N, C-alpha and C. Protein backbone atom coordinates (compact mmCIF):
# COMPACT_ATOMS: atom_id res chain seq x y z
N MET A 1 -20.54 -12.51 -16.72
CA MET A 1 -19.29 -12.04 -16.15
C MET A 1 -19.58 -10.95 -15.13
N SER A 2 -18.94 -11.06 -13.96
CA SER A 2 -19.12 -10.09 -12.89
C SER A 2 -18.28 -8.85 -13.15
N PRO A 3 -18.69 -7.73 -12.57
CA PRO A 3 -17.86 -6.52 -12.71
C PRO A 3 -16.52 -6.69 -12.00
N THR A 4 -15.55 -5.88 -12.39
CA THR A 4 -14.24 -5.92 -11.75
C THR A 4 -13.99 -4.63 -10.98
N PHE A 5 -13.22 -4.74 -9.94
CA PHE A 5 -12.91 -3.61 -9.07
C PHE A 5 -11.41 -3.59 -8.81
N ARG A 6 -10.82 -2.38 -8.87
CA ARG A 6 -9.37 -2.21 -8.66
C ARG A 6 -9.12 -1.72 -7.23
N PHE A 7 -8.13 -2.31 -6.61
CA PHE A 7 -7.74 -1.92 -5.25
C PHE A 7 -6.23 -1.82 -5.15
N ALA A 8 -5.78 -1.07 -4.16
CA ALA A 8 -4.37 -1.05 -3.78
C ALA A 8 -4.32 -1.36 -2.29
N VAL A 9 -3.36 -2.20 -1.92
CA VAL A 9 -3.11 -2.51 -0.52
C VAL A 9 -1.74 -1.93 -0.19
N ASN A 10 -1.71 -1.02 0.76
CA ASN A 10 -0.46 -0.40 1.20
C ASN A 10 -0.06 -1.01 2.53
N VAL A 11 1.13 -1.62 2.57
CA VAL A 11 1.61 -2.33 3.75
C VAL A 11 2.83 -1.59 4.30
N THR A 12 2.81 -1.29 5.60
CA THR A 12 3.93 -0.63 6.26
C THR A 12 4.19 -1.28 7.61
N PRO A 13 5.39 -1.11 8.14
CA PRO A 13 5.66 -1.63 9.48
C PRO A 13 4.73 -0.94 10.50
N LYS A 14 4.27 -1.70 11.48
CA LYS A 14 3.44 -1.12 12.54
C LYS A 14 4.26 -0.11 13.34
N ALA A 15 3.56 0.82 13.97
CA ALA A 15 4.21 1.78 14.86
C ALA A 15 4.96 0.99 15.93
N GLY A 16 6.17 1.42 16.22
CA GLY A 16 6.98 0.75 17.24
C GLY A 16 7.85 -0.37 16.70
N ILE A 17 7.62 -0.76 15.45
CA ILE A 17 8.43 -1.80 14.82
C ILE A 17 9.59 -1.13 14.10
N LEU A 18 10.79 -1.63 14.30
CA LEU A 18 11.97 -1.07 13.65
C LEU A 18 11.81 -1.08 12.14
N ASP A 19 12.11 0.06 11.51
CA ASP A 19 12.02 0.19 10.05
C ASP A 19 13.37 0.68 9.54
N PRO A 20 14.33 -0.24 9.29
CA PRO A 20 15.66 0.19 8.87
C PRO A 20 15.67 0.96 7.55
N GLN A 21 14.79 0.61 6.62
CA GLN A 21 14.73 1.34 5.35
C GLN A 21 14.26 2.78 5.58
N GLY A 22 13.24 2.94 6.38
CA GLY A 22 12.74 4.27 6.69
C GLY A 22 13.80 5.11 7.39
N ARG A 23 14.52 4.48 8.30
CA ARG A 23 15.58 5.20 9.01
C ARG A 23 16.70 5.62 8.06
N ALA A 24 17.08 4.74 7.14
CA ALA A 24 18.13 5.06 6.16
C ALA A 24 17.71 6.24 5.29
N VAL A 25 16.46 6.25 4.85
CA VAL A 25 15.96 7.36 4.04
C VAL A 25 16.00 8.65 4.86
N GLU A 26 15.53 8.57 6.09
CA GLU A 26 15.50 9.75 6.95
C GLU A 26 16.90 10.31 7.19
N GLN A 27 17.88 9.44 7.37
CA GLN A 27 19.25 9.89 7.61
C GLN A 27 19.87 10.50 6.35
N SER A 28 19.37 10.13 5.18
CA SER A 28 19.90 10.67 3.92
C SER A 28 19.37 12.05 3.59
N LEU A 29 18.34 12.48 4.24
CA LEU A 29 17.70 13.76 3.92
C LEU A 29 18.66 14.95 4.06
N SER A 30 19.47 14.93 5.11
CA SER A 30 20.37 16.06 5.31
C SER A 30 21.39 16.16 4.18
N HIS A 31 21.81 15.03 3.63
CA HIS A 31 22.74 15.03 2.50
C HIS A 31 22.11 15.64 1.24
N LEU A 32 20.80 15.61 1.18
CA LEU A 32 20.09 16.19 0.05
C LEU A 32 19.65 17.63 0.31
N GLY A 33 19.94 18.10 1.52
CA GLY A 33 19.54 19.46 1.87
C GLY A 33 18.06 19.59 2.14
N VAL A 34 17.43 18.51 2.56
CA VAL A 34 15.98 18.51 2.82
C VAL A 34 15.76 18.50 4.33
N GLY A 35 14.98 19.43 4.81
CA GLY A 35 14.65 19.50 6.23
C GLY A 35 13.15 19.43 6.44
N GLY A 36 12.76 19.24 7.68
CA GLY A 36 11.35 19.25 8.03
C GLY A 36 10.59 17.97 7.69
N VAL A 37 11.32 16.91 7.36
CA VAL A 37 10.67 15.63 7.05
C VAL A 37 11.09 14.63 8.11
N SER A 38 10.13 13.92 8.68
CA SER A 38 10.46 12.94 9.72
C SER A 38 9.46 11.80 9.71
N ALA A 39 9.70 10.83 10.57
CA ALA A 39 8.80 9.68 10.76
C ALA A 39 8.55 8.93 9.45
N ILE A 40 9.60 8.69 8.70
CA ILE A 40 9.47 8.00 7.41
C ILE A 40 9.31 6.51 7.65
N ARG A 41 8.32 5.92 7.01
CA ARG A 41 8.08 4.48 7.07
C ARG A 41 8.08 3.98 5.63
N VAL A 42 8.88 2.97 5.34
CA VAL A 42 8.97 2.41 4.00
C VAL A 42 8.18 1.10 3.97
N GLY A 43 7.33 0.96 2.97
CA GLY A 43 6.52 -0.23 2.86
C GLY A 43 6.43 -0.68 1.42
N ARG A 44 5.34 -1.32 1.10
CA ARG A 44 5.12 -1.79 -0.27
C ARG A 44 3.65 -1.59 -0.63
N ARG A 45 3.41 -1.58 -1.93
CA ARG A 45 2.06 -1.37 -2.47
C ARG A 45 1.75 -2.52 -3.42
N VAL A 46 0.59 -3.12 -3.25
CA VAL A 46 0.14 -4.20 -4.12
C VAL A 46 -1.16 -3.74 -4.75
N GLU A 47 -1.23 -3.75 -6.08
CA GLU A 47 -2.46 -3.40 -6.79
C GLU A 47 -3.06 -4.67 -7.38
N LEU A 48 -4.38 -4.77 -7.30
CA LEU A 48 -5.03 -5.96 -7.81
C LEU A 48 -6.43 -5.65 -8.31
N THR A 49 -6.91 -6.52 -9.20
CA THR A 49 -8.25 -6.43 -9.73
C THR A 49 -9.03 -7.64 -9.23
N VAL A 50 -10.24 -7.39 -8.74
CA VAL A 50 -11.08 -8.45 -8.19
C VAL A 50 -12.39 -8.48 -8.96
N GLU A 51 -12.78 -9.66 -9.38
CA GLU A 51 -14.07 -9.86 -10.02
C GLU A 51 -15.05 -10.28 -8.93
N ALA A 52 -16.14 -9.53 -8.76
CA ALA A 52 -17.11 -9.83 -7.71
C ALA A 52 -18.46 -9.23 -8.09
N SER A 53 -19.48 -9.62 -7.34
CA SER A 53 -20.84 -9.15 -7.63
C SER A 53 -21.02 -7.66 -7.36
N ASP A 54 -20.29 -7.13 -6.36
CA ASP A 54 -20.38 -5.70 -6.05
C ASP A 54 -19.11 -5.26 -5.32
N ALA A 55 -18.99 -3.95 -5.08
CA ALA A 55 -17.79 -3.40 -4.47
C ALA A 55 -17.56 -3.93 -3.06
N ALA A 56 -18.64 -4.13 -2.30
CA ALA A 56 -18.49 -4.64 -0.93
C ALA A 56 -17.92 -6.06 -0.92
N ALA A 57 -18.39 -6.89 -1.82
CA ALA A 57 -17.87 -8.26 -1.92
C ALA A 57 -16.41 -8.26 -2.35
N ALA A 58 -16.08 -7.39 -3.29
CA ALA A 58 -14.69 -7.29 -3.76
C ALA A 58 -13.79 -6.82 -2.62
N ARG A 59 -14.24 -5.82 -1.88
CA ARG A 59 -13.43 -5.31 -0.76
C ARG A 59 -13.23 -6.38 0.30
N SER A 60 -14.23 -7.19 0.53
CA SER A 60 -14.11 -8.28 1.50
C SER A 60 -13.00 -9.25 1.11
N VAL A 61 -12.92 -9.56 -0.17
CA VAL A 61 -11.85 -10.43 -0.67
C VAL A 61 -10.49 -9.78 -0.44
N VAL A 62 -10.38 -8.50 -0.76
CA VAL A 62 -9.12 -7.78 -0.60
C VAL A 62 -8.72 -7.71 0.87
N GLU A 63 -9.68 -7.47 1.76
CA GLU A 63 -9.38 -7.43 3.20
C GLU A 63 -8.83 -8.76 3.68
N ARG A 64 -9.41 -9.84 3.20
CA ARG A 64 -8.91 -11.17 3.59
C ARG A 64 -7.50 -11.39 3.07
N LEU A 65 -7.27 -11.07 1.81
CA LEU A 65 -5.93 -11.24 1.24
C LEU A 65 -4.91 -10.38 1.97
N ALA A 66 -5.27 -9.14 2.26
CA ALA A 66 -4.35 -8.22 2.94
C ALA A 66 -3.98 -8.75 4.33
N GLY A 67 -4.95 -9.27 5.04
CA GLY A 67 -4.72 -9.74 6.40
C GLY A 67 -4.05 -11.10 6.49
N GLU A 68 -4.27 -11.96 5.50
CA GLU A 68 -3.77 -13.32 5.57
C GLU A 68 -2.59 -13.61 4.66
N LEU A 69 -2.40 -12.82 3.61
CA LEU A 69 -1.37 -13.14 2.63
C LEU A 69 -0.40 -11.99 2.36
N LEU A 70 -0.91 -10.80 2.20
CA LEU A 70 -0.08 -9.68 1.76
C LEU A 70 0.66 -8.97 2.88
N SER A 71 0.28 -9.22 4.12
CA SER A 71 0.95 -8.57 5.25
C SER A 71 1.18 -9.60 6.36
N ASN A 72 2.13 -9.28 7.21
CA ASN A 72 2.37 -10.07 8.42
C ASN A 72 1.71 -9.32 9.56
N PRO A 73 0.58 -9.81 10.06
CA PRO A 73 -0.19 -9.04 11.05
C PRO A 73 0.55 -8.79 12.37
N LEU A 74 1.62 -9.52 12.63
CA LEU A 74 2.37 -9.30 13.85
C LEU A 74 3.21 -8.02 13.80
N ILE A 75 3.71 -7.69 12.60
CA ILE A 75 4.63 -6.55 12.50
C ILE A 75 4.22 -5.50 11.47
N GLU A 76 3.18 -5.77 10.69
CA GLU A 76 2.80 -4.84 9.63
C GLU A 76 1.33 -4.44 9.73
N ALA A 77 1.07 -3.22 9.30
CA ALA A 77 -0.29 -2.70 9.18
C ALA A 77 -0.58 -2.52 7.69
N PHE A 78 -1.85 -2.55 7.33
CA PHE A 78 -2.20 -2.33 5.93
C PHE A 78 -3.38 -1.40 5.82
N GLY A 79 -3.43 -0.72 4.68
CA GLY A 79 -4.55 0.13 4.33
C GLY A 79 -5.01 -0.25 2.94
N ILE A 80 -6.29 -0.14 2.70
CA ILE A 80 -6.86 -0.52 1.41
C ILE A 80 -7.50 0.72 0.79
N GLU A 81 -7.24 0.92 -0.49
CA GLU A 81 -7.91 2.00 -1.21
C GLU A 81 -8.48 1.44 -2.52
N GLN A 82 -9.68 1.87 -2.85
CA GLN A 82 -10.28 1.47 -4.11
C GLN A 82 -9.79 2.43 -5.18
N LEU A 83 -9.35 1.87 -6.29
CA LEU A 83 -8.82 2.65 -7.40
C LEU A 83 -9.87 2.79 -8.49
N GLY A 84 -9.55 3.63 -9.46
CA GLY A 84 -10.40 3.74 -10.65
C GLY A 84 -10.25 2.48 -11.49
N ALA A 85 -10.76 2.51 -12.67
CA ALA A 85 -10.77 1.35 -13.55
C ALA A 85 -9.38 0.90 -13.99
N ALA A 86 -8.45 1.84 -14.11
CA ALA A 86 -7.10 1.49 -14.60
C ALA A 86 -6.10 1.58 -13.46
N SER A 87 -5.00 0.89 -13.62
CA SER A 87 -3.92 0.93 -12.65
C SER A 87 -3.39 2.36 -12.53
N SER A 88 -3.00 2.74 -11.31
CA SER A 88 -2.42 4.07 -11.13
C SER A 88 -1.10 4.19 -11.87
N LEU A 89 -0.46 3.06 -12.18
CA LEU A 89 0.81 3.11 -12.91
C LEU A 89 0.58 3.57 -14.34
N VAL A 90 -0.58 3.28 -14.90
CA VAL A 90 -0.88 3.74 -16.26
C VAL A 90 -0.90 5.26 -16.29
N GLY A 91 -1.50 5.86 -15.28
CA GLY A 91 -1.55 7.32 -15.20
C GLY A 91 -0.17 7.91 -15.02
N GLU A 92 0.70 7.26 -14.25
CA GLU A 92 2.05 7.75 -14.04
C GLU A 92 2.85 7.70 -15.34
N ALA A 93 2.69 6.64 -16.12
CA ALA A 93 3.44 6.49 -17.36
C ALA A 93 3.04 7.55 -18.39
N ALA A 94 1.79 7.96 -18.32
CA ALA A 94 1.28 8.93 -19.31
C ALA A 94 1.74 10.36 -19.00
N ARG A 95 2.20 10.61 -17.79
CA ARG A 95 2.60 11.97 -17.40
C ARG A 95 3.95 12.33 -17.92
């Protein structure tokens, strides 16, 4: 059995692409009495575990998935981060 690696893919609208959700959040800030926050972009996060021979091979799989399946390259950008052994949601639930 090969080792497993945890990743998160963060997908957001590309710069210059209209982001109605981000704009709605930004317009709501004044109602909450919050100032000094701008340029809000709303996206999505996908966490996954990849079984591969090493971290580089696992990252290569994630890069392919992010570019071909998890994002629309015409209007979205993505970032990849390697996570620890457990999902970040596990840590959030424990807090």
